Amino acid sequence: MLKKHELVEKILLNTKIINTKIIELANEVNSYYKDNKEPIILIGILKGCLPFLSQFMLNLNIDCLVDFMYVESYLGQTKAVSKPKIKVDVINDVRGRDLLIVEDIIDSGNSLFKIRNHLQELGAKSIKIITLLDKKSKRVVDIEADWYGFEVPDHFLVGYGLDYDEKLRNLPYVGIADLSKIAILEKK
């Protein structure tokens, strides 16, 4: 039995369910890119993408490169910033390349919208998006994932890369945060 962290109200997705879905997603992406002549570039969006990206790429049988971007979209605990800022940009030359943005979760879509536009300006040939979690109810911009693992409810989620104040990313599951306990911590 999986031990639930004290700041988690409920485990939403366990490790087994997540890993099974990641294999399904990798198979779909393998099929989609099977005829590519050049390696695709996976663009992991730090820091939350790390567990998903590592499991996902281990199940790819297509040629790929890995790059990262870091976009500041949350200031500290639970409050989103209105204008996301790119803090770390890609290292690879993406001009004329097929890119696959790898996200942990899409909620408002603001960060992803900014990232996609930025990569288009850099001259990417194509940009696709894959996310483990999709919180469609929170979308405020016109952006959708090409592939997603799970549509999730409008709760503050932690684990499997998702954090509260940079903590809980290492939980091997996705859980609904216990906001009453978090509120007590934020008052301290």
N, C-alpha and C. Protein backbone atom coordinates (compact mmCIF):
# COMPACT_ATOMS: atom_id res chain seq x y z
N MET A 1 0.84 -1.19 0.00
CA MET A 1 0.00 0.00 0.00
C MET A 1 0.88 1.25 0.00
N LEU A 2 0.54 2.19 -0.84
CA LEU A 2 1.29 3.44 -0.97
C LEU A 2 0.98 4.36 0.21
N LYS A 3 2.05 4.88 0.82
CA LYS A 3 1.86 5.78 1.96
C LYS A 3 1.56 7.19 1.44
N LYS A 4 0.48 7.75 1.91
CA LYS A 4 0.05 9.09 1.51
C LYS A 4 0.78 10.12 2.36
N HIS A 5 1.34 11.13 1.71
CA HIS A 5 2.02 12.22 2.42
C HIS A 5 0.99 13.01 3.23
N GLU A 6 1.44 13.59 4.35
CA GLU A 6 0.53 14.33 5.24
C GLU A 6 -0.11 15.55 4.57
N LEU A 7 0.52 16.11 3.54
CA LEU A 7 -0.05 17.27 2.83
C LEU A 7 -0.92 16.87 1.65
N VAL A 8 -1.16 15.57 1.50
CA VAL A 8 -2.00 15.05 0.41
C VAL A 8 -3.32 14.59 1.00
N GLU A 9 -4.38 15.15 0.46
CA GLU A 9 -5.73 14.78 0.90
C GLU A 9 -6.13 13.42 0.32
N LYS A 10 -5.80 13.22 -0.97
CA LYS A 10 -6.23 12.00 -1.66
C LYS A 10 -5.27 11.71 -2.81
N ILE A 11 -4.94 10.43 -3.00
CA ILE A 11 -4.14 10.03 -4.15
C ILE A 11 -5.07 9.91 -5.35
N LEU A 12 -4.79 10.68 -6.38
CA LEU A 12 -5.63 10.72 -7.58
C LEU A 12 -5.19 9.67 -8.60
N LEU A 13 -3.87 9.58 -8.85
CA LEU A 13 -3.33 8.64 -9.84
C LEU A 13 -2.11 7.96 -9.23
N ASN A 14 -2.15 6.62 -9.14
CA ASN A 14 -1.01 5.91 -8.57
C ASN A 14 0.05 5.64 -9.64
N THR A 15 1.20 5.17 -9.20
CA THR A 15 2.35 4.95 -10.07
C THR A 15 2.03 3.98 -11.21
N LYS A 16 1.34 2.91 -10.90
CA LYS A 16 1.03 1.90 -11.92
C LYS A 16 0.16 2.48 -13.04
N ILE A 17 -0.86 3.23 -12.67
CA ILE A 17 -1.76 3.85 -13.66
C ILE A 17 -0.97 4.85 -14.51
N ILE A 18 -0.11 5.63 -13.86
CA ILE A 18 0.69 6.63 -14.58
C ILE A 18 1.62 5.94 -15.57
N ASN A 19 2.35 4.93 -15.12
CA ASN A 19 3.31 4.25 -15.99
C ASN A 19 2.64 3.56 -17.18
N THR A 20 1.47 2.98 -16.96
CA THR A 20 0.73 2.35 -18.05
C THR A 20 0.34 3.39 -19.09
N LYS A 21 -0.12 4.54 -18.64
CA LYS A 21 -0.51 5.62 -19.56
C LYS A 21 0.69 6.16 -20.32
N ILE A 22 1.83 6.29 -19.66
CA ILE A 22 3.03 6.80 -20.32
C ILE A 22 3.45 5.88 -21.46
N ILE A 23 3.36 4.58 -21.26
CA ILE A 23 3.69 3.63 -22.33
C ILE A 23 2.74 3.81 -23.51
N GLU A 24 1.45 3.98 -23.23
CA GLU A 24 0.47 4.23 -24.30
C GLU A 24 0.81 5.50 -25.08
N LEU A 25 1.14 6.57 -24.35
CA LEU A 25 1.49 7.83 -25.00
C LEU A 25 2.74 7.68 -25.85
N ALA A 26 3.76 7.00 -25.33
CA ALA A 26 5.00 6.80 -26.08
C ALA A 26 4.72 6.01 -27.36
N ASN A 27 3.86 5.02 -27.29
CA ASN A 27 3.51 4.25 -28.49
C ASN A 27 2.84 5.12 -29.54
N GLU A 28 1.96 6.03 -29.11
CA GLU A 28 1.31 6.94 -30.05
C GLU A 28 2.32 7.88 -30.69
N VAL A 29 3.25 8.41 -29.90
CA VAL A 29 4.27 9.32 -30.41
C VAL A 29 5.24 8.57 -31.33
N ASN A 30 5.62 7.34 -30.96
CA ASN A 30 6.46 6.52 -31.83
C ASN A 30 5.82 6.35 -33.20
N SER A 31 4.54 6.06 -33.21
CA SER A 31 3.82 5.87 -34.46
C SER A 31 3.76 7.16 -35.28
N TYR A 32 3.49 8.27 -34.60
CA TYR A 32 3.36 9.55 -35.29
C TYR A 32 4.66 9.97 -35.98
N TYR A 33 5.79 9.78 -35.30
CA TYR A 33 7.08 10.24 -35.81
C TYR A 33 7.92 9.15 -36.48
N LYS A 34 7.32 7.98 -36.74
CA LYS A 34 8.11 6.83 -37.21
C LYS A 34 8.85 7.08 -38.52
N ASP A 35 8.35 7.96 -39.36
CA ASP A 35 8.99 8.21 -40.66
C ASP A 35 9.90 9.43 -40.67
N ASN A 36 10.10 10.05 -39.52
CA ASN A 36 10.98 11.24 -39.48
C ASN A 36 12.40 10.87 -39.87
N LYS A 37 12.99 11.70 -40.69
CA LYS A 37 14.38 11.49 -41.12
C LYS A 37 15.37 12.01 -40.07
N GLU A 38 15.01 13.09 -39.41
CA GLU A 38 15.87 13.68 -38.37
C GLU A 38 15.28 13.40 -37.00
N PRO A 39 16.12 13.36 -35.98
CA PRO A 39 15.58 13.19 -34.62
C PRO A 39 14.67 14.36 -34.25
N ILE A 40 13.61 14.06 -33.53
CA ILE A 40 12.79 15.13 -32.98
C ILE A 40 13.51 15.69 -31.76
N ILE A 41 13.14 16.89 -31.36
CA ILE A 41 13.72 17.46 -30.14
C ILE A 41 12.62 17.52 -29.08
N LEU A 42 12.85 16.80 -27.99
CA LEU A 42 11.95 16.86 -26.84
C LEU A 42 12.34 18.10 -26.04
N ILE A 43 11.37 18.97 -25.79
CA ILE A 43 11.62 20.17 -25.00
C ILE A 43 10.91 20.00 -23.66
N GLY A 44 11.66 19.61 -22.64
CA GLY A 44 11.10 19.43 -21.31
C GLY A 44 10.95 20.78 -20.63
N ILE A 45 9.78 21.01 -20.04
CA ILE A 45 9.53 22.27 -19.33
C ILE A 45 9.80 22.02 -17.84
N LEU A 46 10.91 22.61 -17.38
CA LEU A 46 11.37 22.39 -16.01
C LEU A 46 10.48 23.12 -15.00
N LYS A 47 10.40 22.62 -13.83
CA LYS A 47 11.06 21.46 -13.29
C LYS A 47 10.10 20.27 -13.25
N GLY A 48 8.84 20.55 -13.38
CA GLY A 48 7.81 19.52 -13.20
C GLY A 48 7.84 18.39 -14.21
N CYS A 49 8.43 18.60 -15.37
CA CYS A 49 8.41 17.58 -16.42
C CYS A 49 9.30 16.39 -16.11
N LEU A 50 10.24 16.51 -15.19
CA LEU A 50 11.30 15.52 -15.05
C LEU A 50 10.83 14.07 -14.88
N PRO A 51 9.93 13.75 -13.95
CA PRO A 51 9.51 12.34 -13.84
C PRO A 51 8.81 11.85 -15.11
N PHE A 52 7.92 12.66 -15.66
CA PHE A 52 7.19 12.27 -16.86
C PHE A 52 8.14 12.13 -18.05
N LEU A 53 8.99 13.12 -18.26
CA LEU A 53 9.92 13.09 -19.39
C LEU A 53 10.83 11.88 -19.31
N SER A 54 11.37 11.59 -18.14
CA SER A 54 12.32 10.47 -18.04
C SER A 54 11.63 9.14 -18.34
N GLN A 55 10.43 8.92 -17.81
CA GLN A 55 9.70 7.68 -18.10
C GLN A 55 9.28 7.61 -19.56
N PHE A 56 8.81 8.73 -20.08
CA PHE A 56 8.33 8.81 -21.46
C PHE A 56 9.44 8.50 -22.45
N MET A 57 10.60 9.16 -22.32
CA MET A 57 11.66 8.97 -23.31
C MET A 57 12.26 7.58 -23.24
N LEU A 58 12.20 6.92 -22.08
CA LEU A 58 12.68 5.54 -21.99
C LEU A 58 11.81 4.58 -22.80
N ASN A 59 10.61 5.01 -23.13
CA ASN A 59 9.69 4.18 -23.91
C ASN A 59 9.61 4.59 -25.38
N LEU A 60 10.42 5.56 -25.79
CA LEU A 60 10.46 5.97 -27.20
C LEU A 60 11.45 5.10 -27.96
N ASN A 61 11.08 4.72 -29.17
CA ASN A 61 12.03 3.99 -30.01
C ASN A 61 12.35 4.78 -31.28
N ILE A 62 12.10 6.08 -31.24
CA ILE A 62 12.45 6.98 -32.32
C ILE A 62 13.68 7.78 -31.89
N ASP A 63 14.39 8.33 -32.86
CA ASP A 63 15.55 9.15 -32.52
C ASP A 63 15.08 10.49 -31.96
N CYS A 64 15.70 10.91 -30.88
CA CYS A 64 15.32 12.19 -30.29
C CYS A 64 16.51 12.82 -29.56
N LEU A 65 16.45 14.13 -29.48
CA LEU A 65 17.36 14.91 -28.66
C LEU A 65 16.53 15.44 -27.50
N VAL A 66 17.19 15.84 -26.43
CA VAL A 66 16.47 16.38 -25.28
C VAL A 66 17.02 17.77 -24.98
N ASP A 67 16.11 18.70 -24.77
CA ASP A 67 16.47 20.06 -24.40
C ASP A 67 15.48 20.49 -23.32
N PHE A 68 15.75 21.65 -22.71
CA PHE A 68 14.89 22.11 -21.62
C PHE A 68 14.64 23.60 -21.72
N MET A 69 13.52 23.99 -21.14
CA MET A 69 13.20 25.39 -20.92
C MET A 69 12.68 25.50 -19.49
N TYR A 70 12.90 26.67 -18.90
CA TYR A 70 12.33 26.93 -17.59
C TYR A 70 11.54 28.23 -17.68
N VAL A 71 10.28 28.14 -17.32
CA VAL A 71 9.39 29.29 -17.37
C VAL A 71 8.85 29.51 -15.97
N GLU A 72 9.01 30.73 -15.49
CA GLU A 72 8.49 31.06 -14.17
C GLU A 72 7.01 31.37 -14.31
N SER A 73 6.19 30.50 -13.72
CA SER A 73 4.75 30.71 -13.80
C SER A 73 4.09 30.75 -12.43
N TYR A 74 4.82 30.34 -11.40
CA TYR A 74 4.30 30.39 -10.03
C TYR A 74 5.32 31.09 -9.15
N LEU A 75 4.85 31.94 -8.31
CA LEU A 75 5.73 32.61 -7.35
C LEU A 75 5.55 31.93 -6.00
N GLY A 76 6.44 31.01 -5.71
CA GLY A 76 6.41 30.36 -4.40
C GLY A 76 5.37 29.28 -4.30
N GLN A 77 4.31 29.54 -3.54
CA GLN A 77 3.42 28.47 -3.15
C GLN A 77 2.33 28.12 -4.17
N THR A 78 1.21 28.80 -4.13
CA THR A 78 0.04 28.37 -4.90
C THR A 78 -0.48 29.44 -5.85
N LYS A 79 0.15 30.60 -5.91
CA LYS A 79 -0.36 31.70 -6.73
C LYS A 79 0.36 31.78 -8.07
N ALA A 80 -0.41 31.77 -9.16
CA ALA A 80 0.18 31.87 -10.50
C ALA A 80 0.49 33.34 -10.81
N VAL A 81 1.55 33.54 -11.58
CA VAL A 81 1.86 34.90 -12.03
C VAL A 81 1.08 35.19 -13.29
N SER A 82 0.77 36.45 -13.54
CA SER A 82 -0.06 36.78 -14.70
C SER A 82 0.70 36.70 -16.01
N LYS A 83 1.99 37.02 -16.00
CA LYS A 83 2.78 36.98 -17.23
C LYS A 83 3.99 36.08 -17.03
N PRO A 84 3.90 34.84 -17.53
CA PRO A 84 5.03 33.92 -17.38
C PRO A 84 6.28 34.47 -18.06
N LYS A 85 7.44 34.15 -17.47
CA LYS A 85 8.73 34.62 -18.01
C LYS A 85 9.63 33.44 -18.31
N ILE A 86 10.24 33.43 -19.50
CA ILE A 86 11.21 32.40 -19.86
C ILE A 86 12.52 32.73 -19.15
N LYS A 87 12.94 31.84 -18.26
CA LYS A 87 14.17 32.04 -17.49
C LYS A 87 15.33 31.24 -18.07
N VAL A 88 15.04 30.08 -18.67
CA VAL A 88 16.06 29.27 -19.34
C VAL A 88 15.52 28.88 -20.70
N ASP A 89 16.31 29.16 -21.74
CA ASP A 89 15.88 28.88 -23.11
C ASP A 89 16.58 27.61 -23.63
N VAL A 90 16.10 27.11 -24.76
CA VAL A 90 16.70 25.93 -25.37
C VAL A 90 18.14 26.20 -25.78
N ILE A 91 18.94 25.16 -25.79
CA ILE A 91 20.33 25.25 -26.21
C ILE A 91 20.46 24.87 -27.69
N ASN A 92 19.70 23.85 -28.11
CA ASN A 92 19.76 23.38 -29.49
C ASN A 92 19.18 24.42 -30.44
N ASP A 93 19.69 24.41 -31.67
CA ASP A 93 19.11 25.22 -32.74
C ASP A 93 17.85 24.50 -33.20
N VAL A 94 16.70 25.11 -33.00
CA VAL A 94 15.42 24.46 -33.32
C VAL A 94 14.89 24.83 -34.70
N ARG A 95 15.61 25.69 -35.40
CA ARG A 95 15.19 26.12 -36.73
C ARG A 95 15.03 24.91 -37.66
N GLY A 96 13.84 24.80 -38.25
CA GLY A 96 13.57 23.73 -39.20
C GLY A 96 13.43 22.35 -38.59
N ARG A 97 13.26 22.27 -37.27
CA ARG A 97 13.18 20.98 -36.58
C ARG A 97 11.77 20.71 -36.06
N ASP A 98 11.49 19.41 -35.89
CA ASP A 98 10.24 18.97 -35.27
C ASP A 98 10.44 18.93 -33.77
N LEU A 99 9.59 19.66 -33.05
CA LEU A 99 9.71 19.76 -31.59
C LEU A 99 8.51 19.12 -30.91
N LEU A 100 8.76 18.51 -29.78
CA LEU A 100 7.69 17.98 -28.94
C LEU A 100 7.90 18.55 -27.55
N ILE A 101 7.03 19.48 -27.16
CA ILE A 101 7.07 20.07 -25.82
C ILE A 101 6.51 19.05 -24.84
N VAL A 102 7.26 18.79 -23.76
CA VAL A 102 6.85 17.80 -22.76
C VAL A 102 6.55 18.54 -21.46
N GLU A 103 5.29 18.49 -21.06
CA GLU A 103 4.81 19.20 -19.86
C GLU A 103 4.29 18.21 -18.83
N ASP A 104 4.31 18.63 -17.58
CA ASP A 104 3.69 17.82 -16.53
C ASP A 104 2.18 18.07 -16.49
N ILE A 105 1.78 19.35 -16.59
CA ILE A 105 0.37 19.70 -16.50
C ILE A 105 0.11 20.98 -17.30
N ILE A 106 -1.04 21.02 -17.93
CA ILE A 106 -1.50 22.26 -18.56
C ILE A 106 -2.75 22.69 -17.81
N ASP A 107 -2.72 23.91 -17.27
CA ASP A 107 -3.95 24.44 -16.66
C ASP A 107 -4.39 25.67 -17.43
N SER A 108 -3.99 26.86 -17.05
CA SER A 108 -4.44 28.06 -17.78
C SER A 108 -3.95 28.06 -19.22
N GLY A 109 -2.77 27.48 -19.43
CA GLY A 109 -2.17 27.46 -20.77
C GLY A 109 -1.29 28.66 -21.06
N ASN A 110 -1.24 29.63 -20.14
CA ASN A 110 -0.47 30.85 -20.38
C ASN A 110 1.01 30.57 -20.66
N SER A 111 1.64 29.75 -19.83
CA SER A 111 3.07 29.45 -20.01
C SER A 111 3.31 28.74 -21.34
N LEU A 112 2.50 27.75 -21.61
CA LEU A 112 2.65 26.98 -22.84
C LEU A 112 2.42 27.83 -24.08
N PHE A 113 1.46 28.73 -24.00
CA PHE A 113 1.18 29.65 -25.11
C PHE A 113 2.42 30.49 -25.41
N LYS A 114 3.05 31.00 -24.35
CA LYS A 114 4.27 31.81 -24.50
C LYS A 114 5.41 30.97 -25.08
N ILE A 115 5.57 29.76 -24.57
CA ILE A 115 6.63 28.86 -25.04
C ILE A 115 6.44 28.53 -26.52
N ARG A 116 5.23 28.13 -26.89
CA ARG A 116 4.97 27.76 -28.29
C ARG A 116 5.26 28.94 -29.22
N ASN A 117 4.79 30.13 -28.86
CA ASN A 117 5.05 31.31 -29.70
C ASN A 117 6.54 31.59 -29.82
N HIS A 118 7.26 31.46 -28.72
CA HIS A 118 8.70 31.68 -28.71
C HIS A 118 9.40 30.69 -29.65
N LEU A 119 9.03 29.41 -29.57
CA LEU A 119 9.66 28.39 -30.41
C LEU A 119 9.31 28.59 -31.89
N GLN A 120 8.09 29.06 -32.15
CA GLN A 120 7.73 29.40 -33.54
C GLN A 120 8.61 30.52 -34.06
N GLU A 121 8.84 31.54 -33.22
CA GLU A 121 9.70 32.66 -33.61
C GLU A 121 11.14 32.20 -33.88
N LEU A 122 11.57 31.14 -33.21
CA LEU A 122 12.91 30.59 -33.43
C LEU A 122 12.98 29.76 -34.71
N GLY A 123 11.83 29.55 -35.36
CA GLY A 123 11.82 28.88 -36.66
C GLY A 123 11.60 27.38 -36.65
N ALA A 124 10.97 26.85 -35.61
CA ALA A 124 10.68 25.41 -35.57
C ALA A 124 9.83 25.01 -36.77
N LYS A 125 10.10 23.83 -37.31
CA LYS A 125 9.31 23.30 -38.43
C LYS A 125 7.91 22.91 -37.96
N SER A 126 7.86 22.19 -36.84
CA SER A 126 6.57 21.81 -36.25
C SER A 126 6.72 21.78 -34.73
N ILE A 127 5.61 22.05 -34.05
CA ILE A 127 5.59 22.02 -32.59
C ILE A 127 4.37 21.23 -32.15
N LYS A 128 4.60 20.14 -31.47
CA LYS A 128 3.54 19.34 -30.87
C LYS A 128 3.70 19.43 -29.36
N ILE A 129 2.62 19.11 -28.65
CA ILE A 129 2.61 19.21 -27.19
C ILE A 129 2.11 17.90 -26.60
N ILE A 130 2.84 17.41 -25.61
CA ILE A 130 2.38 16.26 -24.84
C ILE A 130 2.43 16.64 -23.37
N THR A 131 1.40 16.27 -22.65
CA THR A 131 1.36 16.54 -21.21
C THR A 131 0.80 15.32 -20.49
N LEU A 132 1.29 15.10 -19.30
CA LEU A 132 0.76 14.00 -18.51
C LEU A 132 -0.65 14.35 -18.03
N LEU A 133 -0.83 15.59 -17.56
CA LEU A 133 -2.10 16.00 -16.96
C LEU A 133 -2.66 17.21 -17.70
N ASP A 134 -3.96 17.21 -17.90
CA ASP A 134 -4.62 18.31 -18.59
C ASP A 134 -5.80 18.78 -17.75
N LYS A 135 -5.69 20.02 -17.27
CA LYS A 135 -6.74 20.62 -16.45
C LYS A 135 -7.52 21.58 -17.36
N LYS A 136 -8.32 21.00 -18.27
CA LYS A 136 -9.02 21.77 -19.30
C LYS A 136 -9.96 22.83 -18.72
N SER A 137 -10.48 22.58 -17.54
CA SER A 137 -11.43 23.53 -16.94
C SER A 137 -10.79 24.86 -16.59
N LYS A 138 -9.46 24.92 -16.52
CA LYS A 138 -8.76 26.15 -16.15
C LYS A 138 -8.20 26.94 -17.35
N ARG A 139 -8.40 26.42 -18.56
CA ARG A 139 -7.79 27.03 -19.75
C ARG A 139 -8.33 28.44 -19.99
N VAL A 140 -7.41 29.40 -20.19
CA VAL A 140 -7.79 30.78 -20.48
C VAL A 140 -7.27 31.25 -21.84
N VAL A 141 -6.42 30.43 -22.49
CA VAL A 141 -5.92 30.74 -23.82
C VAL A 141 -6.22 29.56 -24.74
N ASP A 142 -6.15 29.82 -26.04
CA ASP A 142 -6.47 28.80 -27.03
C ASP A 142 -5.24 27.93 -27.30
N ILE A 143 -5.09 26.91 -26.48
CA ILE A 143 -3.98 25.96 -26.66
C ILE A 143 -4.42 24.61 -26.13
N GLU A 144 -4.09 23.57 -26.87
CA GLU A 144 -4.45 22.21 -26.46
C GLU A 144 -3.26 21.29 -26.68
N ALA A 145 -3.19 20.23 -25.91
CA ALA A 145 -2.15 19.22 -26.09
C ALA A 145 -2.51 18.33 -27.27
N ASP A 146 -1.49 17.91 -27.99
CA ASP A 146 -1.70 16.92 -29.06
C ASP A 146 -1.91 15.54 -28.46
N TRP A 147 -1.25 15.30 -27.33
CA TRP A 147 -1.43 14.06 -26.58
C TRP A 147 -1.46 14.40 -25.10
N TYR A 148 -2.36 13.77 -24.36
CA TYR A 148 -2.36 13.94 -22.91
C TYR A 148 -2.72 12.62 -22.23
N GLY A 149 -2.23 12.50 -21.02
CA GLY A 149 -2.46 11.27 -20.28
C GLY A 149 -3.81 11.24 -19.59
N PHE A 150 -4.06 12.25 -18.76
CA PHE A 150 -5.26 12.27 -17.94
C PHE A 150 -5.84 13.67 -17.89
N GLU A 151 -7.16 13.77 -18.05
CA GLU A 151 -7.83 15.03 -17.75
C GLU A 151 -8.10 15.02 -16.25
N VAL A 152 -7.69 16.09 -15.58
CA VAL A 152 -7.78 16.13 -14.12
C VAL A 152 -8.72 17.23 -13.66
N PRO A 153 -9.31 17.05 -12.47
CA PRO A 153 -10.23 18.05 -11.92
C PRO A 153 -9.50 19.30 -11.44
N ASP A 154 -10.26 20.32 -11.18
CA ASP A 154 -9.71 21.61 -10.73
C ASP A 154 -9.40 21.56 -9.24
N HIS A 155 -8.28 20.91 -8.93
CA HIS A 155 -7.74 20.86 -7.57
C HIS A 155 -6.27 21.21 -7.65
N PHE A 156 -5.70 21.62 -6.52
CA PHE A 156 -4.26 21.85 -6.46
C PHE A 156 -3.60 20.48 -6.32
N LEU A 157 -2.82 20.09 -7.33
CA LEU A 157 -2.23 18.76 -7.39
C LEU A 157 -0.74 18.81 -7.07
N VAL A 158 -0.26 17.74 -6.46
CA VAL A 158 1.16 17.60 -6.12
C VAL A 158 1.61 16.19 -6.47
N GLY A 159 2.92 16.03 -6.54
CA GLY A 159 3.51 14.72 -6.81
C GLY A 159 3.80 14.51 -8.28
N TYR A 160 4.63 13.54 -8.55
CA TYR A 160 5.06 13.18 -9.90
C TYR A 160 5.49 14.42 -10.70
N GLY A 161 6.27 15.27 -10.05
CA GLY A 161 6.80 16.48 -10.68
C GLY A 161 6.10 17.75 -10.25
N LEU A 162 4.85 17.65 -9.82
CA LEU A 162 4.09 18.81 -9.39
C LEU A 162 4.46 19.16 -7.95
N ASP A 163 4.60 20.46 -7.70
CA ASP A 163 5.11 20.83 -6.38
C ASP A 163 4.18 21.78 -5.63
N TYR A 164 4.45 21.84 -4.34
CA TYR A 164 3.96 22.92 -3.49
C TYR A 164 5.21 23.55 -2.92
N ASP A 165 5.48 24.81 -3.27
CA ASP A 165 6.63 25.54 -2.76
C ASP A 165 7.93 24.75 -2.95
N GLU A 166 8.08 24.16 -4.13
CA GLU A 166 9.26 23.36 -4.54
C GLU A 166 9.37 22.01 -3.83
N LYS A 167 8.40 21.66 -3.02
CA LYS A 167 8.42 20.37 -2.32
C LYS A 167 7.36 19.45 -2.93
N LEU A 168 7.47 18.18 -2.63
CA LEU A 168 6.52 17.11 -2.98
C LEU A 168 6.61 16.66 -4.44
N ARG A 169 7.55 17.20 -5.22
CA ARG A 169 7.72 16.76 -6.62
C ARG A 169 8.07 15.27 -6.69
N ASN A 170 8.74 14.77 -5.66
CA ASN A 170 9.26 13.42 -5.68
C ASN A 170 8.24 12.35 -5.29
N LEU A 171 7.02 12.73 -4.98
CA LEU A 171 6.01 11.72 -4.65
C LEU A 171 5.77 10.86 -5.89
N PRO A 172 5.66 9.54 -5.75
CA PRO A 172 5.53 8.65 -6.91
C PRO A 172 4.10 8.55 -7.46
N TYR A 173 3.27 9.49 -7.09
CA TYR A 173 1.87 9.51 -7.51
C TYR A 173 1.44 10.96 -7.66
N VAL A 174 0.25 11.17 -8.24
CA VAL A 174 -0.36 12.50 -8.30
C VAL A 174 -1.45 12.53 -7.24
N GLY A 175 -1.36 13.52 -6.36
CA GLY A 175 -2.33 13.63 -5.29
C GLY A 175 -2.98 15.00 -5.24
N ILE A 176 -4.14 15.04 -4.63
CA ILE A 176 -4.83 16.31 -4.37
C ILE A 176 -4.27 16.86 -3.07
N ALA A 177 -3.74 18.07 -3.13
CA ALA A 177 -3.14 18.69 -1.94
C ALA A 177 -4.20 18.99 -0.90
N ASP A 178 -3.81 18.86 0.35
CA ASP A 178 -4.69 19.20 1.46
C ASP A 178 -4.51 20.69 1.74
N LEU A 179 -5.37 21.52 1.16
CA LEU A 179 -5.21 22.97 1.24
C LEU A 179 -5.38 23.51 2.66
N SER A 180 -6.12 22.83 3.50
CA SER A 180 -6.27 23.31 4.88
C SER A 180 -4.94 23.17 5.63
N LYS A 181 -4.22 22.08 5.41
CA LYS A 181 -2.92 21.90 6.05
C LYS A 181 -1.89 22.86 5.43
N ILE A 182 -1.97 23.09 4.12
CA ILE A 182 -1.06 24.02 3.46
C ILE A 182 -1.29 25.44 3.96
N ALA A 183 -2.55 25.81 4.17
CA ALA A 183 -2.88 27.15 4.68
C ALA A 183 -2.23 27.37 6.05
N ILE A 184 -2.21 26.36 6.87
CA ILE A 184 -1.57 26.46 8.19
C ILE A 184 -0.07 26.68 8.01
N LEU A 185 0.55 25.97 7.08
CA LEU A 185 1.99 26.15 6.81
C LEU A 185 2.29 27.55 6.31
N GLU A 186 1.43 28.08 5.46
CA GLU A 186 1.66 29.40 4.87
C GLU A 186 1.53 30.51 5.91
N LYS A 187 0.82 30.27 7.00
CA LYS A 187 0.68 31.27 8.06
C LYS A 187 1.90 31.33 8.95
N LYS A 188 2.70 30.26 8.94
CA LYS A 188 3.88 30.20 9.82
C LYS A 188 4.98 31.11 9.34
